[in-house]
Amino acid sequence: MIFGVYMILGLCDGHNASASLIDKNNILYAISEERFTRKKNQRGFPENSINYILSNVDAENIEYVSVGGVFRRGERIKKLKNFQNKIKKKFLYIYHHMAHSYLYKLSNFKESLVISIDGGGDGLSFLASIANKKDLEIIAQSDLIDSVGDFYASITELLCFKPMKDEGKVMSLSSFDCEDNINLKVIDYIEGIKSFKNYLGVIGYEATKALKKLMIPYLNNKYKLSFEDKVKISKFAQKTLEDIVLKAINSLTYEYDIYNVVFVGGVSQNVKLNSKIAEKYNLFVPPFMGDEGLCLGASLLDKRIDRINLINTYFGYEIKNENIEKILEDIKNKLKNYKIDFIEEKDIPEVVGNLIVENNIVCIARGKMEFGPRALGNRSIISLPTKENKEKINKKLKRDWFMPFAPTILYEYIEDYLINPRYSPFMTQIFKVKEDKIKEIEGVVHVDKTTRPQTLKKESNETYYNLIKYIYDITEVPVVLNTSFNIHGEPIVCNEKDAIKSFLTADFDALLLGNYLISKVK
């Protein structure tokens, strides 16, 4: 070990498996295993992520390994023990919700209320803590039966979507207009015991069955859910979620007189809920709020680490031009209908910007991959934010038609487009779009006139910023449609080969791969 230097390797070997590496001041690497295996929400030991990290650093400089989550058995514990025997380092196992909660060290709050809510982990589904310079002080919790995350997952399953994966579809459906007449009390927050209370008394598929029975009187057709029925149920679920989580936060902030809130865990992926919280409190939601973030949170428990300044999320696999050259040579027969140009970095904004202005849809795969569920300019598909492009991309990616697209907006112009905007660099909140701007950026506005933006500052990604600025200088619109670069149902692309494969499969107009522009011959 180099004197005075230490690094901590973090692991998550459960749902959304991941690995990370940090030192006292920086996140050096953070990668989701799904990006390598190409299996969405990959569970299990993050072997590929670990191998990638260890191929780029000297393992001798790793002081110890932190593991998000405590309870495991069988093959899971065996693989961790085998890795420990191989790396010969100390292992620290950190409780699931504590690992989520230590992500507060990425915020700039000196003191905050930390709320961790998800389906469950290590016996708990909710943990509330007070974070300050000293540490975390636990003040409230709920067990696995009284799970807010499981309630929303059961609604997801009831609607014939995949729980633990498609909760975003429920949230999106809740924005459509429909008679909102479901009046059921199935879960609540009880102030006296500082816990949520699940009145169904069951979770998982049993909860789905119980909810289905309760819903029958409110449905148009109890045998096959209509779109209206799905919207109605989604509106009930979303309102219930917002009401009870805000009830908990209101109660705890008032009692402890703390109005900075850090929100983590799977439920904090619900951007509609996040925005309701942000209307009343100073809110920080880390960009890797789900279980993929456990590897980092477990490492941040180290008391020598005070805070880490988070500018962007580019901590993953790095696409390099030297790798691209060989790959392009190997597959040149597949690219007969495409031209390939090497673009100098300084020329990318103009060259790619002109393609966008000419209404082309461009895939971007360059630099280090983002960590977390959002593509933020390094693994993105971008276009002008028009309704036409929205429909074209939806068709090519085979997405559900009701799912909205998100924009990247240059930070300096958010006041022109959004009502009561805040800096939101990681797409963790939604905002109302100003009425006179809706038509201008129609492709990224949802049915309820909201949008979930990445508000981009130049320091976060200079080339991506300059590209949008170039487009703005021509169109006077400082906004692009930005969706993740992947085929629907697959993880976001990771490496050079993934990018080329997905680009050719989806049949878009151009791919900026590193500094190589691959574009259709027209």
Protein backbone atom coordinates (compact mmCIF):
# COMPACT_ATOMS: atom_id res chain seq x y z
CA MET A 1 0.00 0.00 0.00
CA ILE A 2 1.20 3.51 -0.81
CA PHE A 3 1.64 5.43 2.46
CA GLY A 4 -1.21 7.86 3.08
CA VAL A 5 -3.34 6.48 0.23
CA TYR A 6 -6.23 4.08 0.67
CA MET A 7 -9.03 2.85 -1.53
CA ILE A 8 -12.21 1.02 -0.62
CA LEU A 9 -13.77 -1.53 -2.95
CA GLY A 10 -17.56 -1.65 -2.57
CA LEU A 11 -19.82 -4.53 -3.61
CA CYS A 12 -23.52 -5.20 -3.98
CA ASP A 13 -24.29 -8.85 -4.80
CA GLY A 14 -28.10 -8.74 -4.74
CA HIS A 15 -30.70 -7.08 -6.94
CA ASN A 16 -28.95 -4.56 -9.27
CA ALA A 17 -25.51 -5.99 -8.49
CA SER A 18 -22.67 -3.49 -8.70
CA ALA A 19 -19.12 -2.64 -7.68
CA SER A 20 -17.32 0.62 -6.90
CA LEU A 21 -13.97 2.00 -5.85
CA ILE A 22 -13.47 5.19 -3.86
CA ASP A 23 -10.72 7.01 -2.05
CA LYS A 24 -11.11 9.72 0.56
CA ASN A 25 -12.15 12.41 -1.91
CA ASN A 26 -13.33 10.73 -5.10
CA ILE A 27 -15.52 8.10 -6.66
CA LEU A 28 -13.03 6.37 -8.94
CA TYR A 29 -15.29 3.66 -10.39
CA ALA A 30 -18.92 2.60 -10.00
CA ILE A 31 -20.50 0.07 -12.37
CA SER A 32 -23.69 -1.99 -12.54
CA GLU A 33 -23.14 -5.65 -13.42
CA GLU A 34 -26.10 -5.62 -15.84
CA ARG A 35 -24.08 -3.50 -18.25
CA PHE A 36 -21.62 -6.36 -18.77
CA THR A 37 -24.01 -9.33 -18.65
CA ARG A 38 -26.71 -7.51 -20.70
CA LYS A 39 -29.32 -8.85 -18.26
CA LYS A 40 -31.53 -6.10 -16.81
CA ASN A 41 -31.26 -5.68 -13.03
CA GLN A 42 -28.68 -8.47 -12.82
CA ARG A 43 -28.61 -10.23 -9.45
CA GLY A 44 -25.61 -11.93 -7.88
CA PHE A 45 -21.89 -11.50 -7.49
CA PRO A 46 -20.66 -8.57 -9.66
CA GLU A 47 -17.72 -10.45 -11.12
CA ASN A 48 -17.38 -8.50 -14.38
CA SER A 49 -17.61 -5.13 -12.64
CA ILE A 50 -14.94 -6.14 -10.14
CA ASN A 51 -12.67 -7.49 -12.86
CA TYR A 52 -12.96 -4.25 -14.84
CA ILE A 53 -12.05 -2.17 -11.80
CA LEU A 54 -9.14 -4.41 -10.85
CA SER A 55 -7.83 -4.30 -14.42
CA ASN A 56 -7.33 -0.56 -13.97
CA VAL A 57 -5.92 -0.31 -10.43
CA ASP A 58 -3.36 -2.05 -8.26
CA ALA A 59 -5.29 -4.28 -5.85
CA GLU A 60 -2.54 -3.74 -3.29
CA ASN A 61 -3.83 -0.20 -2.80
CA ILE A 62 -7.25 -1.46 -1.74
CA GLU A 63 -7.45 -1.25 2.04
CA TYR A 64 -10.64 -3.28 2.51
CA VAL A 65 -13.89 -4.36 0.88
CA SER A 66 -17.29 -2.99 1.97
CA VAL A 67 -20.38 -5.02 1.14
CA GLY A 68 -23.88 -3.56 0.97
CA GLY A 69 -26.21 -5.87 2.89
CA VAL A 70 -25.66 -8.34 5.70
CA PHE A 71 -28.00 -11.34 5.41
CA ARG A 72 -27.21 -13.87 2.67
CA ARG A 73 -26.63 -17.60 2.39
CA GLY A 74 -25.81 -20.41 -0.05
CA GLU A 75 -24.06 -19.49 -3.28
CA ARG A 76 -24.10 -15.76 -2.50
CA ILE A 77 -21.99 -16.08 0.64
CA LYS A 78 -19.78 -18.73 -0.98
CA LYS A 79 -18.84 -16.42 -3.86
CA LEU A 80 -18.03 -13.58 -1.48
CA LYS A 81 -15.85 -15.86 0.63
CA ASN A 82 -14.05 -17.14 -2.47
CA PHE A 83 -13.37 -13.56 -3.54
CA GLN A 84 -12.09 -12.67 -0.07
CA ASN A 85 -9.70 -15.64 -0.16
CA LYS A 86 -8.48 -14.43 -3.54
CA ILE A 87 -8.04 -10.75 -2.74
CA LYS A 88 -6.95 -11.31 0.88
CA LYS A 89 -8.55 -8.16 2.26
CA LYS A 90 -10.75 -7.37 5.23
CA PHE A 91 -14.50 -7.47 4.48
CA LEU A 92 -17.08 -5.25 6.22
CA TYR A 93 -20.77 -6.08 5.77
CA ILE A 94 -23.03 -3.02 6.08
CA TYR A 95 -26.78 -3.25 6.75
CA HIS A 96 -28.86 -2.62 3.62
CA HIS A 97 -30.60 0.59 4.65
CA MET A 98 -27.50 1.96 6.35
CA ALA A 99 -25.65 1.51 3.05
CA HIS A 100 -28.43 3.41 1.26
CA SER A 101 -28.39 6.13 3.91
CA TYR A 102 -24.65 6.83 3.83
CA LEU A 103 -25.12 8.27 0.36
CA TYR A 104 -25.98 11.43 2.29
CA LYS A 105 -22.24 12.13 2.12
CA LEU A 106 -22.73 13.05 -1.54
CA SER A 107 -25.07 15.92 -0.58
CA ASN A 108 -23.92 19.36 0.51
CA PHE A 109 -26.12 19.40 3.62
CA LYS A 110 -24.35 19.87 6.97
CA GLU A 111 -27.33 18.26 8.67
CA SER A 112 -30.20 16.35 7.10
CA LEU A 113 -33.06 13.95 7.59
CA VAL A 114 -32.18 10.78 5.66
CA ILE A 115 -35.14 8.71 4.45
CA SER A 116 -34.50 5.25 2.97
CA ILE A 117 -37.53 3.42 1.55
CA ASP A 118 -37.68 0.38 -0.71
CA GLY A 119 -39.22 -3.08 -0.98
CA GLY A 120 -36.96 -4.38 1.75
CA GLY A 121 -33.48 -5.39 2.76
CA ASP A 122 -31.95 -7.01 5.86
CA GLY A 123 -35.36 -7.14 7.52
CA LEU A 124 -36.35 -3.50 7.03
CA SER A 125 -38.26 -1.57 4.37
CA PHE A 126 -37.89 1.94 5.85
CA LEU A 127 -35.18 3.66 7.85
CA ALA A 128 -35.11 7.30 8.94
CA SER A 129 -31.93 8.84 10.33
CA ILE A 130 -30.45 12.19 11.20
CA ALA A 131 -27.13 12.83 9.46
CA ASN A 132 -24.63 15.35 10.74
CA LYS A 133 -20.88 15.67 11.12
CA LYS A 134 -20.81 12.99 13.80
CA ASP A 135 -22.64 10.17 12.00
CA LEU A 136 -26.12 8.76 11.41
CA GLU A 137 -28.62 8.59 14.27
CA ILE A 138 -31.50 6.18 13.61
CA ILE A 139 -34.90 7.61 14.57
CA ALA A 140 -37.56 5.45 12.84
CA GLN A 141 -38.02 2.24 10.86
CA SER A 142 -40.49 -0.25 9.39
CA ASP A 143 -40.19 -4.01 8.93
CA LEU A 144 -40.77 -6.00 5.76
CA ILE A 145 -44.53 -6.42 6.27
CA ASP A 146 -45.11 -2.67 6.44
CA SER A 147 -43.33 -2.04 3.16
CA VAL A 148 -44.18 0.99 1.05
CA GLY A 149 -42.00 -0.31 -1.77
CA ASP A 150 -43.78 -3.67 -1.77
CA PHE A 151 -47.17 -1.90 -1.93
CA TYR A 152 -46.13 -0.09 -5.12
CA ALA A 153 -44.54 -3.27 -6.53
CA SER A 154 -47.78 -5.18 -5.89
CA ILE A 155 -49.72 -2.51 -7.80
CA THR A 156 -47.19 -2.90 -10.61
CA GLU A 157 -47.83 -6.65 -10.70
CA LEU A 158 -51.60 -6.12 -10.50
CA LEU A 159 -51.37 -4.05 -13.69
CA CYS A 160 -49.58 -6.96 -15.43
CA PHE A 161 -46.20 -5.21 -15.40
CA LYS A 162 -43.01 -6.64 -13.89
CA PRO A 163 -42.51 -5.70 -10.21
CA MET A 164 -39.06 -4.38 -9.26
CA LYS A 165 -38.67 -3.24 -12.87
CA ASP A 166 -41.76 -1.48 -14.28
CA GLU A 167 -42.80 0.78 -11.40
CA GLY A 168 -42.02 3.74 -13.66
CA LYS A 169 -44.88 2.67 -15.93
CA VAL A 170 -47.31 2.94 -13.01
CA MET A 171 -46.03 6.42 -12.23
CA SER A 172 -46.37 7.45 -15.89
CA LEU A 173 -49.94 6.13 -16.13
CA SER A 174 -50.90 8.08 -13.02
CA SER A 175 -50.46 11.31 -15.00
CA PHE A 176 -53.31 10.59 -17.43
CA ASP A 177 -56.80 12.02 -16.88
CA CYS A 178 -59.36 9.64 -15.41
CA GLU A 179 -62.03 9.52 -12.74
CA ASP A 180 -60.13 9.17 -9.48
CA ASN A 181 -62.66 7.37 -7.31
CA ILE A 182 -60.76 4.54 -5.60
CA ASN A 183 -61.14 5.14 -1.88
CA LEU A 184 -59.15 2.47 -0.04
CA LYS A 185 -56.83 2.67 2.94
CA VAL A 186 -54.36 -0.16 2.55
CA ILE A 187 -51.18 1.47 3.92
CA ASP A 188 -50.45 4.54 6.05
CA TYR A 189 -47.82 6.20 8.23
CA ILE A 190 -48.52 6.04 11.96
CA GLU A 191 -46.90 8.97 13.76
CA GLY A 192 -47.16 7.43 17.24
CA ILE A 193 -44.93 4.47 16.38
CA LYS A 194 -42.93 6.19 13.63
CA SER A 195 -43.61 3.41 11.19
CA PHE A 196 -45.65 2.65 8.11
CA LYS A 197 -48.58 0.29 8.60
CA ASN A 198 -49.72 -2.22 5.97
CA TYR A 199 -53.38 -2.99 6.64
CA LEU A 200 -53.34 -5.89 4.17
CA GLY A 201 -51.00 -7.79 6.47
CA VAL A 202 -49.37 -9.58 3.54
CA ILE A 203 -46.73 -8.75 0.92
CA GLY A 204 -45.60 -10.03 -2.47
CA TYR A 205 -48.03 -11.99 -4.59
CA GLU A 206 -50.43 -12.38 -1.64
CA ALA A 207 -50.65 -8.58 -1.47
CA THR A 208 -51.28 -8.43 -5.23
CA LYS A 209 -54.19 -10.87 -4.86
CA ALA A 210 -55.62 -8.95 -1.90
CA LEU A 211 -55.41 -5.65 -3.77
CA LYS A 212 -57.06 -7.17 -6.84
CA LYS A 213 -60.08 -8.20 -4.75
CA LEU A 214 -60.38 -4.74 -3.22
CA MET A 215 -60.18 -3.09 -6.65
CA ILE A 216 -63.02 -5.07 -8.32
CA PRO A 217 -65.88 -2.66 -7.34
CA TYR A 218 -64.01 0.22 -8.99
CA LEU A 219 -63.21 -1.45 -12.33
CA ASN A 220 -64.96 -1.34 -15.70
CA ASN A 221 -64.08 -4.98 -16.35
CA LYS A 222 -62.87 -7.26 -13.58
CA TYR A 223 -61.62 -9.89 -16.05
CA LYS A 224 -59.44 -7.69 -18.26
CA LEU A 225 -58.10 -4.31 -17.20
CA SER A 226 -58.88 -1.52 -19.64
CA PHE A 227 -56.49 1.39 -20.12
CA GLU A 228 -58.86 3.50 -18.01
CA ASP A 229 -58.76 0.91 -15.23
CA LYS A 230 -54.96 0.92 -15.30
CA VAL A 231 -54.87 4.69 -15.09
CA LYS A 232 -57.38 4.68 -12.23
CA ILE A 233 -55.38 2.14 -10.22
CA SER A 234 -52.12 3.95 -10.96
CA LYS A 235 -53.56 7.27 -9.77
CA PHE A 236 -54.67 5.60 -6.53
CA ALA A 237 -51.23 4.06 -5.99
CA GLN A 238 -49.35 7.28 -6.74
CA LYS A 239 -51.58 9.40 -4.50
CA THR A 240 -51.28 6.88 -1.68
CA LEU A 241 -47.51 6.83 -2.05
CA GLU A 242 -47.21 10.61 -2.04
CA ASP A 243 -49.60 11.08 0.87
CA ILE A 244 -48.00 8.59 3.24
CA VAL A 245 -44.34 9.39 2.46
CA LEU A 246 -45.00 13.11 2.83
CA LYS A 247 -46.89 12.42 6.06
CA ALA A 248 -43.80 10.64 7.42
CA ILE A 249 -41.40 13.37 6.29
CA ASN A 250 -43.66 16.17 7.56
CA SER A 251 -43.88 14.52 10.97
CA LEU A 252 -40.15 13.84 11.30
CA THR A 253 -38.95 17.20 9.99
CA TYR A 254 -41.29 19.00 12.38
CA GLU A 255 -40.23 16.88 15.38
CA TYR A 256 -36.50 17.25 14.77
CA ASP A 257 -36.59 20.73 13.21
CA ILE A 258 -34.57 19.64 10.17
CA TYR A 259 -35.69 20.67 6.68
CA ASN A 260 -32.92 19.24 4.52
CA VAL A 261 -34.00 15.83 3.22
CA VAL A 262 -31.87 13.10 1.62
CA PHE A 263 -34.14 10.52 -0.02
CA VAL A 264 -32.70 7.11 -0.99
CA GLY A 265 -33.82 3.56 -1.77
CA GLY A 266 -35.87 2.22 -4.66
CA VAL A 267 -38.92 4.35 -3.89
CA SER A 268 -36.87 7.51 -4.43
CA GLN A 269 -36.79 6.66 -8.14
CA ASN A 270 -40.36 7.99 -8.20
CA VAL A 271 -39.74 11.48 -9.57
CA LYS A 272 -43.32 12.63 -9.03
CA LEU A 273 -42.97 11.89 -5.33
CA ASN A 274 -39.54 13.55 -5.27
CA SER A 275 -40.95 16.75 -6.72
CA LYS A 276 -43.72 16.83 -4.10
CA ILE A 277 -41.05 16.59 -1.40
CA ALA A 278 -38.92 19.28 -3.09
CA GLU A 279 -41.85 21.71 -3.03
CA LYS A 280 -41.57 21.84 0.78
CA TYR A 281 -37.99 20.87 1.63
CA ASN A 282 -34.41 21.13 0.44
CA LEU A 283 -34.06 17.76 -1.29
CA PHE A 284 -31.13 15.63 -2.42
CA VAL A 285 -31.71 12.36 -4.26
CA PRO A 286 -28.51 10.60 -5.35
CA PRO A 287 -28.46 9.57 -9.02
CA PHE A 288 -27.92 5.91 -8.02
CA MET A 289 -30.68 5.71 -5.45
CA GLY A 290 -31.60 2.07 -6.01
CA ASP A 291 -29.74 -1.04 -4.90
CA GLU A 292 -26.94 -0.38 -7.39
CA GLY A 293 -25.91 2.43 -5.03
CA LEU A 294 -25.38 0.05 -2.08
CA CYS A 295 -21.77 -0.59 -3.10
CA LEU A 296 -20.97 3.11 -2.78
CA GLY A 297 -23.05 3.74 0.33
CA ALA A 298 -21.38 0.84 2.14
CA SER A 299 -17.98 2.38 1.36
CA LEU A 300 -19.01 5.88 2.43
CA LEU A 301 -19.63 4.62 5.97
CA ASP A 302 -15.86 4.97 6.49
CA LYS A 303 -15.48 7.73 9.11
CA ARG A 304 -12.40 9.17 7.41
CA ILE A 305 -14.60 10.26 4.51
CA ASP A 306 -16.44 13.50 5.18
CA ARG A 307 -18.05 14.47 1.87
CA ILE A 308 -17.49 13.75 -1.83
CA ASN A 309 -18.44 16.41 -4.36
CA LEU A 310 -20.61 14.86 -7.08
CA ILE A 311 -20.31 16.69 -10.42
CA ASN A 312 -21.42 13.89 -12.75
CA THR A 313 -21.96 10.11 -12.81
CA TYR A 314 -19.29 9.04 -15.31
CA PHE A 315 -17.65 6.23 -13.30
CA GLY A 316 -18.02 3.16 -15.52
CA TYR A 317 -16.50 1.41 -18.52
CA GLU A 318 -14.51 3.82 -20.69
CA ILE A 319 -14.86 3.73 -24.45
CA LYS A 320 -11.49 4.35 -26.11
CA ASN A 321 -10.67 5.29 -29.69
CA GLU A 322 -7.91 2.67 -29.95
CA ASN A 323 -10.44 -0.08 -29.23
CA ILE A 324 -12.89 1.34 -31.76
CA GLU A 325 -10.37 1.29 -34.63
CA LYS A 326 -9.86 -2.48 -34.39
CA ILE A 327 -13.58 -3.23 -34.00
CA LEU A 328 -14.51 -1.13 -37.02
CA GLU A 329 -11.91 -2.94 -39.11
CA ASP A 330 -13.29 -6.32 -38.01
CA ILE A 331 -16.91 -5.48 -38.91
CA LYS A 332 -16.40 -3.29 -41.98
CA ASN A 333 -18.64 -5.60 -44.04
CA LYS A 334 -21.59 -4.80 -41.75
CA LEU A 335 -21.05 -1.08 -42.29
CA LYS A 336 -21.11 -0.93 -46.10
CA ASN A 337 -24.03 1.50 -46.07
CA TYR A 338 -22.38 3.80 -43.55
CA LYS A 339 -19.57 6.28 -43.73
CA ILE A 340 -17.05 6.57 -40.92
CA ASP A 341 -15.30 9.82 -40.00
CA PHE A 342 -12.90 10.66 -37.20
CA ILE A 343 -14.03 13.91 -35.54
CA GLU A 344 -11.67 16.04 -33.49
CA GLU A 345 -13.05 16.80 -30.03
CA LYS A 346 -13.35 20.52 -30.71
CA ASP A 347 -15.38 19.82 -33.87
CA ILE A 348 -17.94 17.45 -32.33
CA PRO A 349 -20.45 20.17 -31.33
CA GLU A 350 -20.60 21.53 -34.89
CA VAL A 351 -20.55 18.22 -36.80
CA VAL A 352 -23.03 16.38 -34.59
CA GLY A 353 -24.99 19.56 -33.92
CA ASN A 354 -25.65 19.98 -37.65
CA LEU A 355 -26.92 16.41 -37.85
CA ILE A 356 -29.36 17.11 -35.01
CA VAL A 357 -30.49 20.40 -36.53
CA GLU A 358 -31.17 18.53 -39.78
CA ASN A 359 -33.55 16.34 -37.75
CA ASN A 360 -31.37 13.25 -37.50
CA ILE A 361 -31.48 10.98 -34.46
CA VAL A 362 -27.97 10.43 -33.09
CA CYS A 363 -26.71 7.81 -30.65
CA ILE A 364 -23.82 8.75 -28.38
CA ALA A 365 -21.43 6.28 -26.73
CA ARG A 366 -18.20 7.84 -25.54
CA GLY A 367 -16.06 8.35 -22.47
CA LYS A 368 -16.96 6.73 -19.17
CA MET A 369 -20.37 5.14 -18.76
CA GLU A 370 -22.88 6.70 -16.35
CA PHE A 371 -23.63 4.97 -13.04
CA GLY A 372 -27.31 4.75 -12.12
CA PRO A 373 -30.48 4.33 -14.17
CA ARG A 374 -30.15 7.52 -16.26
CA ALA A 375 -28.17 8.24 -19.40
CA LEU A 376 -26.71 11.72 -19.06
CA GLY A 377 -24.88 12.37 -22.30
CA ASN A 378 -22.29 9.59 -22.53
CA ARG A 379 -24.66 6.73 -23.39
CA SER A 380 -27.60 8.65 -24.86
CA ILE A 381 -29.85 8.87 -27.90
CA ILE A 382 -30.51 12.51 -28.70
CA SER A 383 -32.62 14.49 -31.15
CA LEU A 384 -34.59 17.68 -31.47
CA PRO A 385 -37.37 17.57 -28.82
CA THR A 386 -40.27 17.26 -31.27
CA LYS A 387 -43.37 15.09 -31.16
CA GLU A 388 -42.31 13.57 -34.48
CA ASN A 389 -38.97 12.43 -33.06
CA LYS A 390 -40.64 11.10 -29.92
CA GLU A 391 -42.91 8.87 -32.01
CA LYS A 392 -40.06 7.80 -34.30
CA ILE A 393 -37.79 6.79 -31.39
CA ASN A 394 -40.63 5.05 -29.58
CA LYS A 395 -41.33 2.95 -32.67
CA LYS A 396 -37.70 2.03 -33.28
CA LEU A 397 -37.06 1.12 -29.65
CA LYS A 398 -40.46 -0.61 -29.25
CA ARG A 399 -41.22 1.32 -26.08
CA ASP A 400 -44.66 1.59 -24.47
CA TRP A 401 -46.35 4.56 -26.13
CA PHE A 402 -47.39 6.18 -22.82
CA MET A 403 -43.85 6.40 -21.41
CA PRO A 404 -42.47 9.96 -21.61
CA PHE A 405 -39.06 11.04 -22.83
CA ALA A 406 -36.78 13.34 -20.88
CA PRO A 407 -34.81 16.39 -22.03
CA THR A 408 -31.38 17.79 -21.40
CA ILE A 409 -31.71 21.56 -20.86
CA LEU A 410 -28.81 23.96 -20.57
CA TYR A 411 -28.90 25.20 -16.98
CA GLU A 412 -28.79 28.88 -17.90
CA TYR A 413 -32.16 28.62 -19.66
CA ILE A 414 -34.26 26.60 -17.22
CA GLU A 415 -36.15 29.70 -16.06
CA ASP A 416 -37.39 30.17 -19.63
CA TYR A 417 -38.91 26.69 -19.83
CA LEU A 418 -39.76 25.41 -16.35
CA ILE A 419 -42.01 26.64 -13.56
CA ASN A 420 -40.12 27.03 -10.25
CA PRO A 421 -37.05 25.20 -11.58
CA ARG A 422 -34.14 23.89 -9.52
CA TYR A 423 -30.76 22.50 -10.47
CA SER A 424 -31.49 18.86 -11.28
CA PRO A 425 -28.43 17.37 -13.00
CA PHE A 426 -29.42 13.71 -12.59
CA MET A 427 -33.07 13.57 -13.75
CA THR A 428 -34.39 12.93 -10.23
CA GLN A 429 -37.29 15.44 -10.26
CA ILE A 430 -40.07 16.63 -12.56
CA PHE A 431 -41.17 20.20 -13.25
CA LYS A 432 -44.14 21.86 -14.90
CA VAL A 433 -43.35 23.25 -18.34
CA LYS A 434 -44.38 26.83 -19.09
CA GLU A 435 -47.50 26.92 -21.22
CA ASP A 436 -45.93 28.96 -24.03
CA LYS A 437 -43.02 26.49 -24.33
CA ILE A 438 -44.94 23.20 -24.45
CA LYS A 439 -45.33 23.13 -28.24
CA GLU A 440 -41.67 24.03 -28.72
CA ILE A 441 -40.44 20.96 -26.80
CA GLU A 442 -43.51 18.74 -27.19
CA GLY A 443 -41.50 15.53 -27.52
CA VAL A 444 -40.28 15.74 -23.92
CA VAL A 445 -43.48 16.94 -22.21
CA HIS A 446 -45.75 14.39 -20.52
CA VAL A 447 -49.56 14.46 -20.64
CA ASP A 448 -49.70 16.39 -17.35
CA LYS A 449 -47.46 19.12 -18.80
CA THR A 450 -44.43 18.05 -16.78
CA THR A 451 -40.93 16.99 -17.78
CA ARG A 452 -38.01 15.24 -16.05
CA PRO A 453 -34.95 17.21 -17.13
CA GLN A 454 -31.23 16.87 -16.88
CA THR A 455 -30.29 20.49 -16.21
CA LEU A 456 -26.77 20.62 -17.60
CA LYS A 457 -23.86 22.80 -16.52
CA LYS A 458 -20.73 22.99 -18.62
CA GLU A 459 -18.55 21.58 -15.83
CA SER A 460 -20.47 18.29 -15.88
CA ASN A 461 -19.82 17.38 -19.53
CA GLU A 462 -18.16 20.08 -21.64
CA THR A 463 -18.51 18.46 -25.08
CA TYR A 464 -22.17 17.53 -24.54
CA TYR A 465 -22.86 21.04 -23.24
CA ASN A 466 -21.17 22.65 -26.25
CA LEU A 467 -23.14 20.39 -28.59
CA ILE A 468 -26.47 21.57 -27.18
CA LYS A 469 -25.20 25.17 -27.16
CA TYR A 470 -24.39 24.85 -30.87
CA ILE A 471 -27.92 23.57 -31.53
CA TYR A 472 -29.32 26.47 -29.48
CA ASP A 473 -27.34 29.03 -31.49
CA ILE A 474 -29.11 27.81 -34.64
CA THR A 475 -32.58 26.84 -33.41
CA GLU A 476 -32.91 29.11 -30.35
CA VAL A 477 -33.98 26.01 -28.38
CA PRO A 478 -31.46 25.01 -25.65
CA VAL A 479 -33.07 21.59 -25.27
CA VAL A 480 -32.59 18.12 -26.75
CA LEU A 481 -34.57 14.93 -26.29
CA ASN A 482 -32.26 12.61 -24.35
CA THR A 483 -33.16 8.96 -23.80
CA SER A 484 -30.94 6.09 -22.74
CA PHE A 485 -29.01 4.31 -25.49
CA ASN A 486 -30.38 0.77 -25.37
CA ILE A 487 -32.94 -1.44 -27.02
CA HIS A 488 -36.10 -1.47 -24.89
CA GLY A 489 -35.84 -4.10 -22.16
CA GLU A 490 -32.03 -4.23 -22.31
CA PRO A 491 -29.56 -2.42 -20.07
CA ILE A 492 -27.94 0.80 -21.29
CA VAL A 493 -25.05 0.02 -23.65
CA CYS A 494 -21.68 -0.48 -22.00
CA ASN A 495 -18.86 -0.97 -24.47
CA GLU A 496 -17.98 -0.34 -28.11
CA LYS A 497 -19.53 -3.57 -29.40
CA ASP A 498 -22.79 -3.02 -27.46
CA ALA A 499 -23.09 0.44 -28.98
CA ILE A 500 -22.60 -0.74 -32.57
CA LYS A 501 -24.99 -3.67 -32.12
CA SER A 502 -27.77 -1.54 -30.61
CA PHE A 503 -27.25 1.20 -33.19
CA LEU A 504 -27.60 -1.19 -36.11
CA THR A 505 -30.56 -2.99 -34.52
CA ALA A 506 -32.50 0.21 -33.88
CA ASP A 507 -31.49 1.68 -37.26
CA PHE A 508 -30.92 5.27 -36.20
CA ASP A 509 -29.23 7.90 -38.36
CA ALA A 510 -25.80 8.20 -36.78
CA LEU A 511 -23.61 6.96 -33.95
CA LEU A 512 -20.90 9.02 -32.28
CA LEU A 513 -18.66 6.27 -30.91
CA GLY A 514 -15.76 7.87 -29.09
CA ASN A 515 -14.51 10.30 -31.73
CA TYR A 516 -15.71 8.19 -34.64
CA LEU A 517 -18.93 9.24 -36.35
CA ILE A 518 -20.74 6.40 -38.08
CA SER A 519 -23.56 7.75 -40.24
CA LYS A 520 -25.89 6.46 -42.93
CA VAL A 521 -24.98 7.13 -46.51
CA LYS A 522 -27.93 9.04 -47.97
